[in-house]
Amino acid sequence: MEEFNIKDLKINFEISSLLTFLESKKEFEIDVYGNIYALNEAPKTTPLVFRGKVPSSYNETELTRLIETIFGKEYNVQTTASHCTLSLVGAWQSIIGLNQDRMSYFDHQTDGIEVFEEKELEDIGWQAVSLNINYRTICTYLEQECKGTFVYYDNGMHFNGFVIFKDTQEAKAKMCEFVTLQIEEKIKNEELILEESDDDEKEALAFFNYKGY
């Protein structure tokens, strides 16, 4: 899984790649790699860092000032004759908002991981909790094993971030495999005694098609 710490991340792109959108005043979006797309054309599995357009009432013809107006102060724009650089740390809250409908889960500073956004993954996570397998344990495994992108802010004192899986079906399969292994480990260590399982545990074992359930 690719990881990006927003604290130090800068996006670079050629100004010429913006010209079509500047001239047409159409909305555009930029992904974490610096690729520029027309509105809603960026792949859904790619994190966005900006979405905007030239204000319709804005008539500034000087290119540098126009670019600074579009991105605003939070992106700390730096330009040369041919390139533009965006610093993303000041725009972190905006970036979170841009990716609300893309992220697979959000990792909070205080609350940790509370929910998977895709229902299929959330159903697995919900059942795993009944077996004392928490979201943090599952997500740590998935971040190591699945393709995707982890975008976060970490300055040593504060941390939060979000993950977008490249393939939800891959994540689903990996989750089920991992939970099954965790069940076997818990039985081996006598942390889970099948004969003493309560109703929630029995339901979870059946959900994961564990032996005899």
Protein backbone atom coordinates (compact mmCIF):
# COMPACT_ATOMS: atom_id res chain seq x y z
CA MET A 1 0.00 0.00 0.00
CA GLU A 2 1.33 3.43 -0.93
CA GLU A 3 1.58 5.95 1.90
CA PHE A 4 1.59 9.75 1.78
CA ASN A 5 2.18 11.96 4.83
CA ILE A 6 0.47 15.25 4.02
CA LYS A 7 2.77 17.07 6.46
CA ASP A 8 5.65 17.07 3.97
CA LEU A 9 3.85 16.36 0.70
CA LYS A 10 4.13 18.74 -2.24
CA ILE A 11 2.37 18.31 -5.60
CA ASN A 12 4.10 19.50 -8.75
CA PHE A 13 2.56 19.90 -12.19
CA GLU A 14 3.08 21.83 -15.40
CA ILE A 15 1.02 25.01 -15.69
CA SER A 16 0.30 24.13 -19.32
CA SER A 17 -1.80 21.17 -18.10
CA LEU A 18 -4.16 23.68 -16.42
CA LEU A 19 -4.63 26.00 -19.38
CA THR A 20 -7.66 24.25 -20.87
CA PHE A 21 -9.52 24.55 -17.55
CA LEU A 22 -8.39 28.14 -16.98
CA GLU A 23 -9.58 29.23 -20.42
CA SER A 24 -12.91 27.39 -20.22
CA LYS A 25 -13.47 28.16 -16.53
CA LYS A 26 -14.58 24.54 -16.10
CA GLU A 27 -14.19 22.69 -12.82
CA PHE A 28 -11.23 20.34 -12.46
CA GLU A 29 -9.63 18.08 -9.87
CA ILE A 30 -6.08 17.06 -8.98
CA ASP A 31 -5.04 13.73 -7.50
CA VAL A 32 -2.27 12.95 -5.03
CA TYR A 33 0.15 12.24 -7.89
CA GLY A 34 -0.36 15.66 -9.49
CA ASN A 35 -2.55 14.43 -12.34
CA ILE A 36 -5.25 16.88 -13.46
CA TYR A 37 -8.71 15.74 -14.59
CA ALA A 38 -12.00 17.24 -15.62
CA LEU A 39 -14.59 17.14 -12.84
CA ASN A 40 -15.49 13.57 -11.74
CA GLU A 41 -13.08 11.93 -14.19
CA ALA A 42 -10.35 10.96 -11.71
CA PRO A 43 -10.39 7.23 -10.84
CA LYS A 44 -12.46 6.57 -7.72
CA THR A 45 -9.59 4.61 -6.18
CA THR A 46 -7.21 7.60 -6.41
CA PRO A 47 -7.13 10.18 -3.58
CA LEU A 48 -7.90 13.77 -4.58
CA VAL A 49 -6.06 16.79 -3.18
CA PHE A 50 -7.95 19.62 -4.92
CA ARG A 51 -11.16 20.44 -6.74
CA GLY A 52 -12.02 23.88 -8.10
CA LYS A 53 -12.36 26.25 -11.05
CA VAL A 54 -11.80 29.85 -12.10
CA PRO A 55 -14.47 32.08 -10.54
CA SER A 56 -16.85 33.11 -13.33
CA SER A 57 -16.64 36.78 -12.31
CA TYR A 58 -12.84 36.80 -12.16
CA ASN A 59 -11.11 38.59 -15.02
CA GLU A 60 -7.46 38.51 -13.92
CA THR A 61 -5.27 37.93 -16.97
CA GLU A 62 -1.92 37.63 -15.15
CA LEU A 63 -1.42 33.85 -14.92
CA THR A 64 0.43 33.69 -11.58
CA ARG A 65 -2.19 35.75 -9.75
CA LEU A 66 -4.97 33.73 -11.37
CA ILE A 67 -3.46 30.45 -10.13
CA GLU A 68 -2.97 31.87 -6.62
CA THR A 69 -6.63 32.94 -6.57
CA ILE A 70 -7.86 29.48 -7.63
CA PHE A 71 -5.91 27.55 -5.00
CA GLY A 72 -6.08 30.10 -2.20
CA LYS A 73 -3.79 30.48 0.79
CA GLU A 74 -4.25 26.98 2.24
CA TYR A 75 -2.30 25.38 -0.63
CA ASN A 76 0.68 27.78 -0.32
CA VAL A 77 1.12 27.98 -4.10
CA GLN A 78 4.60 28.41 -5.57
CA THR A 79 4.99 29.06 -9.31
CA THR A 80 7.75 29.33 -11.86
CA ALA A 81 7.40 30.21 -15.55
CA SER A 82 6.28 26.67 -16.36
CA HIS A 83 5.49 24.77 -13.14
CA CYS A 84 3.26 25.02 -10.10
CA THR A 85 3.88 23.49 -6.65
CA LEU A 86 1.20 22.98 -3.99
CA SER A 87 2.00 22.35 -0.32
CA LEU A 88 -0.86 20.26 1.08
CA VAL A 89 -0.54 20.43 4.86
CA GLY A 90 -2.67 23.58 5.17
CA ALA A 91 -5.41 22.00 3.08
CA TRP A 92 -5.69 18.74 5.04
CA GLN A 93 -9.27 19.27 6.23
CA SER A 94 -10.35 20.14 2.69
CA ILE A 95 -8.61 17.02 1.37
CA ILE A 96 -10.49 14.84 3.87
CA GLY A 97 -13.75 16.33 2.64
CA LEU A 98 -12.83 15.73 -1.00
CA ASN A 99 -12.34 12.03 -0.31
CA GLN A 100 -15.36 11.30 1.88
CA ASP A 101 -17.04 9.31 -0.89
CA ARG A 102 -13.80 7.52 -1.86
CA MET A 103 -12.26 6.39 1.40
CA SER A 104 -12.60 2.82 2.65
CA TYR A 105 -12.17 3.95 6.24
CA PHE A 106 -10.98 6.91 8.30
CA ASP A 107 -8.51 6.60 11.16
CA HIS A 108 -9.33 9.20 13.83
CA GLN A 109 -6.87 10.75 16.25
CA THR A 110 -8.96 9.84 19.30
CA ASP A 111 -11.64 7.37 18.13
CA GLY A 112 -9.46 5.19 15.92
CA ILE A 113 -11.21 3.21 13.19
CA GLU A 114 -14.94 3.02 13.80
CA VAL A 115 -16.45 1.85 10.52
CA PHE A 116 -15.69 0.58 7.03
CA GLU A 117 -17.46 2.70 4.44
CA GLU A 118 -18.16 -0.21 2.05
CA LYS A 119 -21.03 -2.34 3.42
CA GLU A 120 -19.36 -5.64 2.49
CA LEU A 121 -16.30 -4.76 4.55
CA GLU A 122 -18.33 -3.33 7.41
CA ASP A 123 -20.36 -6.58 7.67
CA ILE A 124 -17.10 -8.52 8.08
CA GLY A 125 -15.71 -6.07 10.61
CA TRP A 126 -18.95 -6.06 12.61
CA GLN A 127 -18.97 -9.85 12.90
CA ALA A 128 -15.25 -9.96 13.77
CA VAL A 129 -15.81 -7.66 16.75
CA SER A 130 -18.09 -10.30 18.29
CA LEU A 131 -15.01 -12.55 18.39
CA ASN A 132 -12.87 -9.84 20.02
CA ILE A 133 -11.04 -9.09 16.78
CA ASN A 134 -11.03 -5.32 16.56
CA TYR A 135 -10.93 -2.95 13.60
CA ARG A 136 -7.40 -1.77 14.41
CA THR A 137 -6.01 -5.30 14.24
CA ILE A 138 -7.78 -5.97 10.94
CA CYS A 139 -6.73 -2.67 9.36
CA THR A 140 -3.10 -3.03 10.36
CA TYR A 141 -3.10 -6.32 8.48
CA LEU A 142 -4.91 -4.93 5.44
CA GLU A 143 -2.52 -1.97 5.17
CA GLN A 144 0.32 -4.46 4.88
CA GLU A 145 -1.38 -6.89 2.50
CA CYS A 146 -3.70 -4.93 0.19
CA LYS A 147 -3.15 -2.63 -2.76
CA GLY A 148 -4.34 0.90 -2.15
CA THR A 149 -3.39 4.29 -0.78
CA PHE A 150 -3.01 5.52 2.80
CA VAL A 151 -3.09 9.32 3.06
CA TYR A 152 -2.48 10.74 6.53
CA TYR A 153 -1.25 13.65 8.62
CA ASP A 154 1.35 12.79 11.23
CA ASN A 155 3.55 15.38 12.93
CA GLY A 156 4.69 13.15 15.78
CA MET A 157 1.98 14.41 18.14
CA HIS A 158 -1.18 14.35 16.05
CA PHE A 159 -2.30 11.70 13.60
CA ASN A 160 -5.30 10.95 11.42
CA GLY A 161 -5.77 9.65 7.91
CA PHE A 162 -7.77 7.58 5.47
CA VAL A 163 -7.31 4.50 3.32
CA ILE A 164 -8.66 3.84 -0.17
CA PHE A 165 -8.43 0.22 -1.29
CA LYS A 166 -7.59 -0.40 -4.92
CA ASP A 167 -9.83 -3.47 -5.00
CA THR A 168 -12.62 -3.93 -2.46
CA GLN A 169 -12.98 -7.59 -3.36
CA GLU A 170 -9.30 -8.19 -2.62
CA ALA A 171 -9.73 -6.47 0.76
CA LYS A 172 -12.83 -8.56 1.48
CA ALA A 173 -10.99 -11.82 0.75
CA LYS A 174 -7.97 -10.76 2.82
CA MET A 175 -10.22 -9.79 5.74
CA CYS A 176 -11.99 -13.14 5.78
CA GLU A 177 -8.69 -15.03 5.57
CA PHE A 178 -7.24 -12.98 8.39
CA VAL A 179 -10.25 -13.32 10.68
CA THR A 180 -10.30 -17.09 10.13
CA LEU A 181 -6.64 -17.28 11.13
CA GLN A 182 -7.38 -15.15 14.19
CA ILE A 183 -10.23 -17.48 15.18
CA GLU A 184 -7.91 -20.48 14.99
CA GLU A 185 -5.29 -18.66 17.04
CA LYS A 186 -7.83 -17.74 19.72
CA ILE A 187 -9.06 -21.34 19.93
CA LYS A 188 -5.47 -22.60 20.20
CA ASN A 189 -4.77 -20.12 23.03
CA GLU A 190 -8.10 -20.94 24.70
CA GLU A 191 -9.26 -17.33 24.30
CA LEU A 192 -12.27 -18.68 22.42
CA ILE A 193 -13.90 -21.89 23.65
CA LEU A 194 -16.38 -23.12 21.08
CA GLU A 195 -18.52 -25.06 23.54
CA GLU A 196 -19.02 -21.89 25.59
CA SER A 197 -19.75 -19.54 22.68
CA ASP A 198 -22.60 -17.07 23.19
CA ASP A 199 -25.18 -16.30 20.50
CA ASP A 200 -23.19 -13.41 18.97
CA GLU A 201 -20.06 -15.55 18.75
CA LYS A 202 -22.00 -18.42 17.16
CA GLU A 203 -23.49 -16.03 14.61
CA ALA A 204 -20.01 -14.70 13.80
CA LEU A 205 -18.54 -18.19 13.46
CA ALA A 206 -21.34 -19.11 11.07
CA PHE A 207 -20.74 -15.90 9.10
CA PHE A 208 -17.13 -16.91 8.56
CA ASN A 209 -18.16 -20.50 7.74
CA TYR A 210 -16.00 -21.79 10.55
CA LYS A 211 -15.89 -25.57 10.98
CA GLY A 212 -19.15 -26.95 12.27
CA TYR A 213 -21.04 -23.60 12.09
